Amino acid sequence: MRRSKLQPIRNKIDLADRIQMRLIKKRLKLSNAELTAIVGRIGNSLSAISKEAALQRASTVLAAPTEVPPAAVIASRTGGEQATIESEAGAPAS
């Protein structure tokens, strides 16, 4: 008797399938722990997993503080540059 091969559900991830897990991790640039945490929290829907991975990436980019000098330092530097530009142009410096 011939049995048909079971077709996988296309929009769900199977955690037991190593190949599928490797492909999803590579496509979404996630580690094994991150992927299993997302699946445990959200579920096994591929669209939900990809949205959550995008949100995690965006939150890490936004959460990274940038080194910005205090406003007084910025004002003193721009004021000094303005004075040198005016003196080079022959205008009286203020």
PDB file of N, CA and C in Angstrom:
ATOM      1  N   MET A   1       0.833  -1.165   0.000  1.00  0.00           N
ATOM      2  CA  MET A   1       0.000   0.000   0.000  1.00  0.00           C
ATOM      3  C   MET A   1       0.888   1.242   0.000  1.00  0.00           C
ATOM      4  N   ARG A   2       0.508   2.198  -0.795  1.00  0.00           N
ATOM      5  CA  ARG A   2       1.273   3.439  -0.881  1.00  0.00           C
ATOM      6  C   ARG A   2       0.733   4.475   0.083  1.00  0.00           C
ATOM      7  N   ARG A   3       1.631   5.060   0.825  1.00  0.00           N
ATOM      8  CA  ARG A   3       1.225   6.114   1.752  1.00  0.00           C
ATOM      9  C   ARG A   3       1.774   7.437   1.234  1.00  0.00           C
ATOM     10  N   SER A   4       0.964   8.445   1.325  1.00  0.00           N
ATOM     11  CA  SER A   4       1.431   9.757   0.897  1.00  0.00           C
ATOM     12  C   SER A   4       2.304  10.364   2.005  1.00  0.00           C
ATOM     13  N   LYS A   5       3.256  11.141   1.570  1.00  0.00           N
ATOM     14  CA  LYS A   5       4.136  11.807   2.512  1.00  0.00           C
ATOM     15  C   LYS A   5       3.380  12.956   3.164  1.00  0.00           C
ATOM     16  N   LEU A   6       3.512  13.072   4.470  1.00  0.00           N
ATOM     17  CA  LEU A   6       2.829  14.136   5.181  1.00  0.00           C
ATOM     18  C   LEU A   6       3.417  15.486   4.784  1.00  0.00           C
ATOM     19  N   GLN A   7       2.569  16.395   4.412  1.00  0.00           N
ATOM     20  CA  GLN A   7       3.003  17.734   4.053  1.00  0.00           C
ATOM     21  C   GLN A   7       3.114  18.590   5.319  1.00  0.00           C
ATOM     22  N   PRO A   8       4.215  19.284   5.490  1.00  0.00           N
ATOM     23  CA  PRO A   8       4.347  20.127   6.673  1.00  0.00           C
ATOM     24  C   PRO A   8       3.418  21.338   6.581  1.00  0.00           C
ATOM     25  N   ILE A   9       3.039  21.839   7.716  1.00  0.00           N
ATOM     26  CA  ILE A   9       2.246  23.059   7.751  1.00  0.00           C
ATOM     27  C   ILE A   9       3.188  24.203   7.416  1.00  0.00           C
ATOM     28  N   ARG A  10       2.842  24.983   6.423  1.00  0.00           N
ATOM     29  CA  ARG A  10       3.776  25.962   5.876  1.00  0.00           C
ATOM     30  C   ARG A  10       3.991  27.182   6.747  1.00  0.00           C
ATOM     31  N   ASN A  11       3.023  27.544   7.554  1.00  0.00           N
ATOM     32  CA  ASN A  11       3.173  28.756   8.348  1.00  0.00           C
ATOM     33  C   ASN A  11       3.480  28.482   9.817  1.00  0.00           C
ATOM     34  N   LYS A  12       3.861  27.271  10.141  1.00  0.00           N
ATOM     35  CA  LYS A  12       4.231  26.906  11.509  1.00  0.00           C
ATOM     36  C   LYS A  12       5.638  26.313  11.503  1.00  0.00           C
ATOM     37  N   ILE A  13       6.351  26.517  12.580  1.00  0.00           N
ATOM     38  CA  ILE A  13       7.696  25.967  12.701  1.00  0.00           C
ATOM     39  C   ILE A  13       7.636  24.707  13.563  1.00  0.00           C
ATOM     40  N   ASP A  14       8.365  23.702  13.132  1.00  0.00           N
ATOM     41  CA  ASP A  14       8.438  22.454  13.878  1.00  0.00           C
ATOM     42  C   ASP A  14       9.762  22.450  14.634  1.00  0.00           C
ATOM     43  N   LEU A  15       9.697  22.511  15.950  1.00  0.00           N
ATOM     44  CA  LEU A  15      10.905  22.577  16.764  1.00  0.00           C
ATOM     45  C   LEU A  15      11.712  21.286  16.723  1.00  0.00           C
ATOM     46  N   ALA A  16      11.103  20.190  16.315  1.00  0.00           N
ATOM     47  CA  ALA A  16      11.809  18.919  16.241  1.00  0.00           C
ATOM     48  C   ALA A  16      12.610  18.782  14.948  1.00  0.00           C
ATOM     49  N   ASP A  17      12.336  19.611  13.958  1.00  0.00           N
ATOM     50  CA  ASP A  17      13.013  19.542  12.666  1.00  0.00           C
ATOM     51  C   ASP A  17      14.278  20.405  12.711  1.00  0.00           C
ATOM     52  N   ARG A  18      15.451  19.759  12.750  1.00  0.00           N
ATOM     53  CA  ARG A  18      16.719  20.482  12.863  1.00  0.00           C
ATOM     54  C   ARG A  18      16.985  21.386  11.673  1.00  0.00           C
ATOM     55  N   ILE A  19      16.652  20.910  10.478  1.00  0.00           N
ATOM     56  CA  ILE A  19      16.915  21.685   9.265  1.00  0.00           C
ATOM     57  C   ILE A  19      16.062  22.943   9.247  1.00  0.00           C
ATOM     58  N   GLN A  20      14.813  22.798   9.592  1.00  0.00           N
ATOM     59  CA  GLN A  20      13.919  23.950   9.622  1.00  0.00           C
ATOM     60  C   GLN A  20      14.378  24.961  10.675  1.00  0.00           C
ATOM     61  N   MET A  21      14.784  24.488  11.821  1.00  0.00           N
ATOM     62  CA  MET A  21      15.281  25.377  12.877  1.00  0.00           C
ATOM     63  C   MET A  21      16.525  26.122  12.410  1.00  0.00           C
ATOM     64  N   ARG A  22      17.451  25.413  11.761  1.00  0.00           N
ATOM     65  CA  ARG A  22      18.677  26.043  11.285  1.00  0.00           C
ATOM     66  C   ARG A  22      18.366  27.123  10.253  1.00  0.00           C
ATOM     67  N   LEU A  23      17.439  26.851   9.347  1.00  0.00           N
ATOM     68  CA  LEU A  23      17.082  27.829   8.326  1.00  0.00           C
ATOM     69  C   LEU A  23      16.417  29.066   8.923  1.00  0.00           C
ATOM     70  N   ILE A  24      15.535  28.863   9.866  1.00  0.00           N
ATOM     71  CA  ILE A  24      14.843  29.987  10.506  1.00  0.00           C
ATOM     72  C   ILE A  24      15.840  30.835  11.295  1.00  0.00           C
ATOM     73  N   LYS A  25      16.747  30.171  12.042  1.00  0.00           N
ATOM     74  CA  LYS A  25      17.755  30.910  12.808  1.00  0.00           C
ATOM     75  C   LYS A  25      18.641  31.726  11.889  1.00  0.00           C
ATOM     76  N   LYS A  26      19.020  31.156  10.758  1.00  0.00           N
ATOM     77  CA  LYS A  26      19.890  31.851   9.820  1.00  0.00           C
ATOM     78  C   LYS A  26      19.162  33.023   9.171  1.00  0.00           C
ATOM     79  N   ARG A  27      17.907  32.816   8.781  1.00  0.00           N
ATOM     80  CA  ARG A  27      17.157  33.871   8.113  1.00  0.00           C
ATOM     81  C   ARG A  27      16.866  35.040   9.047  1.00  0.00           C
ATOM     82  N   LEU A  28      16.509  34.740  10.296  1.00  0.00           N
ATOM     83  CA  LEU A  28      16.160  35.789  11.246  1.00  0.00           C
ATOM     84  C   LEU A  28      17.350  36.275  12.072  1.00  0.00           C
ATOM     85  N   LYS A  29      18.522  35.658  11.878  1.00  0.00           N
ATOM     86  CA  LYS A  29      19.755  36.013  12.597  1.00  0.00           C
ATOM     87  C   LYS A  29      19.542  35.929  14.108  1.00  0.00           C
ATOM     88  N   LEU A  30      19.048  34.770  14.546  1.00  0.00           N
ATOM     89  CA  LEU A  30      18.805  34.515  15.958  1.00  0.00           C
ATOM     90  C   LEU A  30      19.661  33.356  16.434  1.00  0.00           C
ATOM     91  N   SER A  31      19.929  33.327  17.725  1.00  0.00           N
ATOM     92  CA  SER A  31      20.607  32.166  18.298  1.00  0.00           C
ATOM     93  C   SER A  31      19.567  31.109  18.642  1.00  0.00           C
ATOM     94  N   ASN A  32      20.038  29.944  18.983  1.00  0.00           N
ATOM     95  CA  ASN A  32      19.136  28.856  19.333  1.00  0.00           C
ATOM     96  C   ASN A  32      18.308  29.215  20.570  1.00  0.00           C
ATOM     97  N   ALA A  33      18.958  29.817  21.563  1.00  0.00           N
ATOM     98  CA  ALA A  33      18.252  30.193  22.792  1.00  0.00           C
ATOM     99  C   ALA A  33      17.214  31.280  22.523  1.00  0.00           C
ATOM    100  N   GLU A  34      17.572  32.269  21.687  1.00  0.00           N
ATOM    101  CA  GLU A  34      16.624  33.339  21.374  1.00  0.00           C
ATOM    102  C   GLU A  34      15.399  32.802  20.646  1.00  0.00           C
ATOM    103  N   LEU A  35      15.626  31.895  19.692  1.00  0.00           N
ATOM    104  CA  LEU A  35      14.506  31.334  18.933  1.00  0.00           C
ATOM    105  C   LEU A  35      13.586  30.511  19.819  1.00  0.00           C
ATOM    106  N   THR A  36      14.150  29.670  20.680  1.00  0.00           N
ATOM    107  CA  THR A  36      13.300  28.861  21.552  1.00  0.00           C
ATOM    108  C   THR A  36      12.557  29.734  22.561  1.00  0.00           C
ATOM    109  N   ALA A  37      13.186  30.830  23.019  1.00  0.00           N
ATOM    110  CA  ALA A  37      12.503  31.746  23.939  1.00  0.00           C
ATOM    111  C   ALA A  37      11.328  32.429  23.243  1.00  0.00           C
ATOM    112  N   ILE A  38      11.529  32.851  22.003  1.00  0.00           N
ATOM    113  CA  ILE A  38      10.447  33.500  21.251  1.00  0.00           C
ATOM    114  C   ILE A  38       9.310  32.514  21.011  1.00  0.00           C
ATOM    115  N   VAL A  39       9.653  31.292  20.618  1.00  0.00           N
ATOM    116  CA  VAL A  39       8.625  30.284  20.359  1.00  0.00           C
ATOM    117  C   VAL A  39       7.877  29.955  21.644  1.00  0.00           C
ATOM    118  N   GLY A  40       8.565  29.895  22.762  1.00  0.00           N
ATOM    119  CA  GLY A  40       7.903  29.633  24.031  1.00  0.00           C
ATOM    120  C   GLY A  40       6.971  30.758  24.442  1.00  0.00           C
ATOM    121  N   ARG A  41       7.336  31.985  24.121  1.00  0.00           N
ATOM    122  CA  ARG A  41       6.544  33.147  24.496  1.00  0.00           C
ATOM    123  C   ARG A  41       5.402  33.416  23.519  1.00  0.00           C
ATOM    124  N   ILE A  42       5.686  33.375  22.222  1.00  0.00           N
ATOM    125  CA  ILE A  42       4.744  33.790  21.187  1.00  0.00           C
ATOM    126  C   ILE A  42       3.960  32.614  20.615  1.00  0.00           C
ATOM    127  N   GLY A  43       4.658  31.549  20.290  1.00  0.00           N
ATOM    128  CA  GLY A  43       4.031  30.405  19.630  1.00  0.00           C
ATOM    129  C   GLY A  43       4.877  30.006  18.434  1.00  0.00           C
ATOM    130  N   ASN A  44       4.377  29.084  17.612  1.00  0.00           N
ATOM    131  CA  ASN A  44       5.193  28.577  16.517  1.00  0.00           C
ATOM    132  C   ASN A  44       4.791  29.130  15.154  1.00  0.00           C
ATOM    133  N   SER A  45       4.087  30.234  15.103  1.00  0.00           N
ATOM    134  CA  SER A  45       3.728  30.875  13.850  1.00  0.00           C
ATOM    135  C   SER A  45       4.939  31.625  13.293  1.00  0.00           C
ATOM    136  N   LEU A  46       5.274  31.361  12.043  1.00  0.00           N
ATOM    137  CA  LEU A  46       6.454  31.991  11.440  1.00  0.00           C
ATOM    138  C   LEU A  46       6.318  33.508  11.362  1.00  0.00           C
ATOM    139  N   SER A  47       5.134  33.999  11.040  1.00  0.00           N
ATOM    140  CA  SER A  47       4.957  35.449  10.942  1.00  0.00           C
ATOM    141  C   SER A  47       5.109  36.117  12.302  1.00  0.00           C
ATOM    142  N   ALA A  48       4.581  35.501  13.347  1.00  0.00           N
ATOM    143  CA  ALA A  48       4.715  36.064  14.693  1.00  0.00           C
ATOM    144  C   ALA A  48       6.170  36.033  15.151  1.00  0.00           C
ATOM    145  N   ILE A  49       6.881  34.970  14.818  1.00  0.00           N
ATOM    146  CA  ILE A  49       8.293  34.857  15.198  1.00  0.00           C
ATOM    147  C   ILE A  49       9.115  35.918  14.484  1.00  0.00           C
ATOM    148  N   SER A  50       8.869  36.125  13.194  1.00  0.00           N
ATOM    149  CA  SER A  50       9.642  37.121  12.449  1.00  0.00           C
ATOM    150  C   SER A  50       9.337  38.533  12.939  1.00  0.00           C
ATOM    151  N   LYS A  51       8.072  38.821  13.289  1.00  0.00           N
ATOM    152  CA  LYS A  51       7.735  40.135  13.837  1.00  0.00           C
ATOM    153  C   LYS A  51       8.426  40.365  15.172  1.00  0.00           C
ATOM    154  N   GLU A  52       8.432  39.362  16.021  1.00  0.00           N
ATOM    155  CA  GLU A  52       9.072  39.494  17.331  1.00  0.00           C
ATOM    156  C   GLU A  52      10.585  39.668  17.187  1.00  0.00           C
ATOM    157  N   ALA A  53      11.194  38.954  16.245  1.00  0.00           N
ATOM    158  CA  ALA A  53      12.636  39.108  16.017  1.00  0.00           C
ATOM    159  C   ALA A  53      12.949  40.519  15.529  1.00  0.00           C
ATOM    160  N   ALA A  54      12.103  41.064  14.668  1.00  0.00           N
ATOM    161  CA  ALA A  54      12.300  42.439  14.190  1.00  0.00           C
ATOM    162  C   ALA A  54      12.145  43.441  15.328  1.00  0.00           C
ATOM    163  N   LEU A  55      11.180  43.211  16.202  1.00  0.00           N
ATOM    164  CA  LEU A  55      10.992  44.093  17.356  1.00  0.00           C
ATOM    165  C   LEU A  55      12.185  44.031  18.307  1.00  0.00           C
ATOM    166  N   GLN A  56      12.722  42.841  18.512  1.00  0.00           N
ATOM    167  CA  GLN A  56      13.897  42.700  19.383  1.00  0.00           C
ATOM    168  C   GLN A  56      15.093  43.431  18.799  1.00  0.00           C
ATOM    169  N   ARG A  57      15.296  43.294  17.473  1.00  0.00           N
ATOM    170  CA  ARG A  57      16.408  43.984  16.825  1.00  0.00           C
ATOM    171  C   ARG A  57      16.249  45.490  16.927  1.00  0.00           C
ATOM    172  N   ALA A  58      15.035  45.982  16.716  1.00  0.00           N
ATOM    173  CA  ALA A  58      14.790  47.418  16.782  1.00  0.00           C
ATOM    174  C   ALA A  58      14.973  47.941  18.202  1.00  0.00           C
ATOM    175  N   SER A  59      14.544  47.183  19.185  1.00  0.00           N
ATOM    176  CA  SER A  59      14.677  47.645  20.567  1.00  0.00           C
ATOM    177  C   SER A  59      16.138  47.662  21.009  1.00  0.00           C
ATOM    178  N   THR A  60      16.956  46.736  20.525  1.00  0.00           N
ATOM    179  CA  THR A  60      18.370  46.756  20.902  1.00  0.00           C
ATOM    180  C   THR A  60      19.092  47.911  20.230  1.00  0.00           C
ATOM    181  N   VAL A  61      18.679  48.270  19.017  1.00  0.00           N
ATOM    182  CA  VAL A  61      19.299  49.398  18.329  1.00  0.00           C
ATOM    183  C   VAL A  61      18.909  50.693  19.015  1.00  0.00           C
ATOM    184  N   LEU A  62      17.646  50.837  19.398  1.00  0.00           N
ATOM    185  CA  LEU A  62      17.191  52.050  20.054  1.00  0.00           C
ATOM    186  C   LEU A  62      17.689  52.152  21.489  1.00  0.00           C
ATOM    187  N   ALA A  63      17.887  51.033  22.144  1.00  0.00           N
ATOM    188  CA  ALA A  63      18.293  51.052  23.541  1.00  0.00           C
ATOM    189  C   ALA A  63      19.776  51.372  23.713  1.00  0.00           C
ATOM    190  N   ALA A  64      20.562  51.207  22.663  1.00  0.00           N
ATOM    191  CA  ALA A  64      21.988  51.465  22.774  1.00  0.00           C
ATOM    192  C   ALA A  64      22.229  52.971  22.908  1.00  0.00           C
ATOM    193  N   PRO A  65      22.747  53.418  24.054  1.00  0.00           N
ATOM    194  CA  PRO A  65      22.971  54.854  24.231  1.00  0.00           C
ATOM    195  C   PRO A  65      24.157  55.321  23.393  1.00  0.00           C
ATOM    196  N   THR A  66      24.038  56.506  22.869  1.00  0.00           N
ATOM    197  CA  THR A  66      25.128  57.076  22.088  1.00  0.00           C
ATOM    198  C   THR A  66      25.864  58.090  22.954  1.00  0.00           C
ATOM    199  N   GLU A  67      27.121  58.263  22.679  1.00  0.00           N
ATOM    200  CA  GLU A  67      27.941  59.209  23.419  1.00  0.00           C
ATOM    201  C   GLU A  67      27.698  60.614  22.859  1.00  0.00           C
ATOM    202  N   VAL A  68      26.885  61.386  23.552  1.00  0.00           N
ATOM    203  CA  VAL A  68      26.593  62.753  23.146  1.00  0.00           C
ATOM    204  C   VAL A  68      27.149  63.678  24.211  1.00  0.00           C
ATOM    205  N   PRO A  69      27.963  64.670  23.808  1.00  0.00           N
ATOM    206  CA  PRO A  69      28.499  65.595  24.810  1.00  0.00           C
ATOM    207  C   PRO A  69      27.393  66.499  25.359  1.00  0.00           C
ATOM    208  N   PRO A  70      27.610  67.072  26.528  1.00  0.00           N
ATOM    209  CA  PRO A  70      26.608  67.970  27.104  1.00  0.00           C
ATOM    210  C   PRO A  70      26.343  69.175  26.204  1.00  0.00           C
ATOM    211  N   ALA A  71      25.195  69.804  26.397  1.00  0.00           N
ATOM    212  CA  ALA A  71      24.783  70.925  25.547  1.00  0.00           C
ATOM    213  C   ALA A  71      25.764  72.093  25.643  1.00  0.00           C
ATOM    214  N   ALA A  72      26.353  72.341  26.819  1.00  0.00           N
ATOM    215  CA  ALA A  72      27.291  73.443  26.978  1.00  0.00           C
ATOM    216  C   ALA A  72      28.529  73.236  26.103  1.00  0.00           C
ATOM    217  N   VAL A  73      28.988  72.019  25.996  1.00  0.00           N
ATOM    218  CA  VAL A  73      30.154  71.719  25.159  1.00  0.00           C
ATOM    219  C   VAL A  73      29.817  71.939  23.695  1.00  0.00           C
ATOM    220  N   ILE A  74      28.629  71.505  23.288  1.00  0.00           N
ATOM    221  CA  ILE A  74      28.207  71.685  21.906  1.00  0.00           C
ATOM    222  C   ILE A  74      28.086  73.170  21.585  1.00  0.00           C
ATOM    223  N   ALA A  75      27.492  73.950  22.496  1.00  0.00           N
ATOM    224  CA  ALA A  75      27.311  75.381  22.271  1.00  0.00           C
ATOM    225  C   ALA A  75      28.649  76.094  22.199  1.00  0.00           C
ATOM    226  N   SER A  76      29.597  75.726  23.046  1.00  0.00           N
ATOM    227  CA  SER A  76      30.899  76.394  23.030  1.00  0.00           C
ATOM    228  C   SER A  76      31.663  76.085  21.752  1.00  0.00           C
ATOM    229  N   ARG A  77      31.525  74.880  21.258  1.00  0.00           N
ATOM    230  CA  ARG A  77      32.233  74.524  20.023  1.00  0.00           C
ATOM    231  C   ARG A  77      31.616  75.201  18.812  1.00  0.00           C
ATOM    232  N   THR A  78      30.308  75.247  18.725  1.00  0.00           N
ATOM    233  CA  THR A  78      29.674  75.882  17.570  1.00  0.00           C
ATOM    234  C   THR A  78      29.862  77.382  17.627  1.00  0.00           C
ATOM    235  N   GLY A  79      29.883  77.976  18.818  1.00  0.00           N
ATOM    236  CA  GLY A  79      30.125  79.418  18.952  1.00  0.00           C
ATOM    237  C   GLY A  79      31.543  79.765  18.540  1.00  0.00           C
ATOM    238  N   GLY A  80      32.506  78.946  18.899  1.00  0.00           N
ATOM    239  CA  GLY A  80      33.894  79.187  18.521  1.00  0.00           C
ATOM    240  C   GLY A  80      34.112  79.039  17.029  1.00  0.00           C
ATOM    241  N   GLU A  81      33.460  78.073  16.429  1.00  0.00           N
ATOM    242  CA  GLU A  81      33.577  77.893  14.985  1.00  0.00           C
ATOM    243  C   GLU A  81      32.949  79.060  14.256  1.00  0.00           C
ATOM    244  N   GLN A  82      31.844  79.587  14.757  1.00  0.00           N
ATOM    245  CA  GLN A  82      31.172  80.721  14.117  1.00  0.00           C
ATOM    246  C   GLN A  82      32.063  81.946  14.179  1.00  0.00           C
ATOM    247  N   ALA A  83      32.742  82.182  15.295  1.00  0.00           N
ATOM    248  CA  ALA A  83      33.617  83.342  15.435  1.00  0.00           C
ATOM    249  C   ALA A  83      34.796  83.248  14.486  1.00  0.00           C
ATOM    250  N   THR A  84      35.375  82.057  14.304  1.00  0.00           N
ATOM    251  CA  THR A  84      36.510  81.927  13.391  1.00  0.00           C
ATOM    252  C   THR A  84      36.067  82.087  11.947  1.00  0.00           C
ATOM    253  N   ILE A  85      34.882  81.635  11.615  1.00  0.00           N
ATOM    254  CA  ILE A  85      34.379  81.792  10.253  1.00  0.00           C
ATOM    255  C   ILE A  85      34.155  83.267   9.954  1.00  0.00           C
ATOM    256  N   GLU A  86      33.596  84.019  10.920  1.00  0.00           N
ATOM    257  CA  GLU A  86      33.347  85.429  10.708  1.00  0.00           C
ATOM    258  C   GLU A  86      34.658  86.198  10.607  1.00  0.00           C
ATOM    259  N   SER A  87      35.673  85.864  11.417  1.00  0.00           N
ATOM    260  CA  SER A  87      36.938  86.575  11.373  1.00  0.00           C
ATOM    261  C   SER A  87      37.691  86.290  10.075  1.00  0.00           C
ATOM    262  N   GLU A  88      37.542  85.094   9.535  1.00  0.00           N
ATOM    263  CA  GLU A  88      38.185  84.781   8.266  1.00  0.00           C
ATOM    264  C   GLU A  88      37.508  85.509   7.112  1.00  0.00           C
ATOM    265  N   ALA A  89      36.219  85.797   7.232  1.00  0.00           N
ATOM    266  CA  ALA A  89      35.467  86.463   6.183  1.00  0.00           C
ATOM    267  C   ALA A  89      35.678  87.985   6.255  1.00  0.00           C
ATOM    268  N   GLY A  90      36.303  88.482   7.308  1.00  0.00           N
ATOM    269  CA  GLY A  90      36.562  89.903   7.427  1.00  0.00           C
ATOM    270  C   GLY A  90      35.467  90.632   8.177  1.00  0.00           C
ATOM    271  N   ALA A  91      34.491  89.952   8.619  1.00  0.00           N
ATOM    272  CA  ALA A  91      33.407  90.566   9.394  1.00  0.00           C
ATOM    273  C   ALA A  91      33.855  90.675  10.843  1.00  0.00           C
ATOM    274  N   PRO A  92      33.368  91.655  11.548  1.00  0.00           N
ATOM    275  CA  PRO A  92      33.759  91.791  12.964  1.00  0.00           C
ATOM    276  C   PRO A  92      33.197  90.635  13.782  1.00  0.00           C
ATOM    277  N   ALA A  93      34.040  90.088  14.639  1.00  0.00           N
ATOM    278  CA  ALA A  93      33.613  88.983  15.510  1.00  0.00           C
ATOM    279  C   ALA A  93      32.834  89.525  16.664  1.00  0.00           C
ATOM    280  N   SER A  94      31.800  88.806  17.094  1.00  0.00           N
ATOM    281  CA  SER A  94      30.979  89.284  18.206  1.00  0.00           C
ATOM    282  C   SER A  94      31.416  88.736  19.513  1.00  0.00           C
TER     283      SER A  94
END
